[in-house]
Amino acid sequence: MGKDYSWVAFDLRGFIVNDYIVFYYPLENGIEIVRVVYGKRDLGAVFEEFGD
């Protein structure tokens, strides 16, 4: 489930909620939410800024 964002980080996935993207890593027993970002931001810059 969710869109593949592995171009940002290995195994990273995301799904859209209103104007935001919820980024998460799939786990054996669920998910780990790592960041929620406004969808119109430059995603490459957002993750580069935080060193992800």
N, C-alpha and C. Protein backbone atom coordinates (compact mmCIF):
# COMPACT_ATOMS: atom_id res chain seq x y z
N MET A 1 0.84 -1.17 0.00
CA MET A 1 0.00 0.00 0.00
C MET A 1 0.89 1.25 0.00
N GLY A 2 0.42 2.29 -0.59
CA GLY A 2 1.19 3.52 -0.64
C GLY A 2 2.12 3.56 -1.83
N LYS A 3 2.59 4.75 -2.13
CA LYS A 3 3.49 4.96 -3.26
C LYS A 3 4.93 4.70 -2.83
N ASP A 4 5.71 4.15 -3.75
CA ASP A 4 7.12 3.88 -3.50
C ASP A 4 7.92 5.17 -3.61
N TYR A 5 8.64 5.52 -2.56
CA TYR A 5 9.52 6.68 -2.55
C TYR A 5 10.96 6.24 -2.30
N SER A 6 11.34 5.08 -2.84
CA SER A 6 12.69 4.56 -2.61
C SER A 6 13.76 5.43 -3.26
N TRP A 7 13.38 6.36 -4.14
CA TRP A 7 14.36 7.30 -4.70
C TRP A 7 14.82 8.30 -3.63
N VAL A 8 14.03 8.42 -2.57
CA VAL A 8 14.40 9.30 -1.45
C VAL A 8 15.19 8.53 -0.41
N ALA A 9 14.68 7.37 -0.01
CA ALA A 9 15.33 6.52 0.98
C ALA A 9 14.87 5.08 0.76
N PHE A 10 15.76 4.15 1.01
CA PHE A 10 15.46 2.73 0.80
C PHE A 10 14.19 2.32 1.55
N ASP A 11 13.27 1.68 0.84
CA ASP A 11 12.05 1.09 1.39
C ASP A 11 11.03 2.12 1.89
N LEU A 12 11.24 3.39 1.60
CA LEU A 12 10.32 4.44 2.04
C LEU A 12 9.06 4.41 1.18
N ARG A 13 7.90 4.53 1.84
CA ARG A 13 6.62 4.57 1.16
C ARG A 13 5.86 5.78 1.65
N GLY A 14 4.80 6.16 0.93
CA GLY A 14 4.01 7.31 1.36
C GLY A 14 2.61 7.25 0.81
N PHE A 15 1.72 7.95 1.47
CA PHE A 15 0.35 8.08 0.97
C PHE A 15 -0.14 9.49 1.25
N ILE A 16 -1.06 9.94 0.42
CA ILE A 16 -1.56 11.31 0.47
C ILE A 16 -2.79 11.38 1.37
N VAL A 17 -2.78 12.37 2.25
CA VAL A 17 -3.93 12.69 3.09
C VAL A 17 -4.17 14.18 2.93
N ASN A 18 -5.25 14.52 2.25
CA ASN A 18 -5.54 15.92 1.90
C ASN A 18 -4.36 16.51 1.14
N ASP A 19 -3.72 17.55 1.66
CA ASP A 19 -2.60 18.19 0.95
C ASP A 19 -1.24 17.73 1.48
N TYR A 20 -1.20 16.64 2.23
CA TYR A 20 0.03 16.19 2.86
C TYR A 20 0.40 14.79 2.40
N ILE A 21 1.68 14.47 2.50
CA ILE A 21 2.16 13.11 2.24
C ILE A 21 2.68 12.57 3.55
N VAL A 22 2.17 11.41 3.94
CA VAL A 22 2.62 10.73 5.14
C VAL A 22 3.64 9.68 4.70
N PHE A 23 4.89 9.88 5.13
CA PHE A 23 5.96 8.96 4.77
C PHE A 23 6.14 7.93 5.87
N TYR A 24 6.35 6.69 5.46
CA TYR A 24 6.48 5.61 6.44
C TYR A 24 7.35 4.49 5.90
N TYR A 25 7.82 3.67 6.83
CA TYR A 25 8.52 2.44 6.50
C TYR A 25 7.62 1.28 6.89
N PRO A 26 7.42 0.32 5.98
CA PRO A 26 6.64 -0.86 6.35
C PRO A 26 7.44 -1.73 7.32
N LEU A 27 6.77 -2.24 8.33
CA LEU A 27 7.38 -3.14 9.30
C LEU A 27 6.63 -4.46 9.29
N GLU A 28 7.18 -5.44 9.93
CA GLU A 28 6.55 -6.75 9.99
C GLU A 28 5.17 -6.68 10.64
N ASN A 29 5.04 -5.84 11.66
CA ASN A 29 3.78 -5.76 12.41
C ASN A 29 3.05 -4.44 12.23
N GLY A 30 3.31 -3.71 11.15
CA GLY A 30 2.64 -2.43 10.92
C GLY A 30 3.52 -1.48 10.13
N ILE A 31 3.52 -0.22 10.54
CA ILE A 31 4.33 0.79 9.87
C ILE A 31 4.99 1.70 10.90
N GLU A 32 6.05 2.39 10.47
CA GLU A 32 6.69 3.43 11.27
C GLU A 32 6.58 4.73 10.48
N ILE A 33 5.80 5.67 10.97
CA ILE A 33 5.65 6.96 10.31
C ILE A 33 6.89 7.80 10.63
N VAL A 34 7.53 8.31 9.58
CA VAL A 34 8.78 9.04 9.79
C VAL A 34 8.66 10.53 9.52
N ARG A 35 7.69 10.94 8.72
CA ARG A 35 7.56 12.36 8.42
C ARG A 35 6.23 12.62 7.73
N VAL A 36 5.65 13.79 8.00
CA VAL A 36 4.47 14.27 7.30
C VAL A 36 4.86 15.59 6.67
N VAL A 37 4.70 15.70 5.35
CA VAL A 37 5.20 16.86 4.60
C VAL A 37 4.08 17.42 3.73
N TYR A 38 4.00 18.74 3.65
CA TYR A 38 3.07 19.39 2.74
C TYR A 38 3.40 18.93 1.33
N GLY A 39 2.42 18.48 0.60
CA GLY A 39 2.61 17.83 -0.69
C GLY A 39 3.20 18.67 -1.80
N LYS A 40 3.14 19.98 -1.70
CA LYS A 40 3.66 20.84 -2.76
C LYS A 40 5.10 21.27 -2.53
N ARG A 41 5.72 20.76 -1.46
CA ARG A 41 7.13 21.07 -1.20
C ARG A 41 8.02 20.28 -2.13
N ASP A 42 9.24 20.74 -2.31
CA ASP A 42 10.25 20.03 -3.07
C ASP A 42 10.75 18.88 -2.20
N LEU A 43 10.30 17.67 -2.47
CA LEU A 43 10.60 16.53 -1.61
C LEU A 43 12.09 16.22 -1.53
N GLY A 44 12.78 16.35 -2.64
CA GLY A 44 14.23 16.11 -2.63
C GLY A 44 14.92 17.06 -1.66
N ALA A 45 14.53 18.32 -1.68
CA ALA A 45 15.12 19.32 -0.79
C ALA A 45 14.74 19.05 0.67
N VAL A 46 13.51 18.64 0.92
CA VAL A 46 13.07 18.37 2.29
C VAL A 46 13.91 17.27 2.91
N PHE A 47 14.09 16.18 2.19
CA PHE A 47 14.83 15.06 2.77
C PHE A 47 16.33 15.33 2.80
N GLU A 48 16.84 16.10 1.86
CA GLU A 48 18.26 16.48 1.88
C GLU A 48 18.54 17.39 3.07
N GLU A 49 17.62 18.30 3.35
CA GLU A 49 17.75 19.24 4.46
C GLU A 49 17.89 18.54 5.81
N PHE A 50 17.20 17.42 5.96
CA PHE A 50 17.26 16.69 7.23
C PHE A 50 18.25 15.54 7.21
N GLY A 51 18.97 15.38 6.11
CA GLY A 51 19.98 14.34 6.03
C GLY A 51 19.43 12.94 5.91
N ASP A 52 18.21 12.79 5.43
CA ASP A 52 17.58 11.46 5.27
C ASP A 52 17.95 10.85 3.94
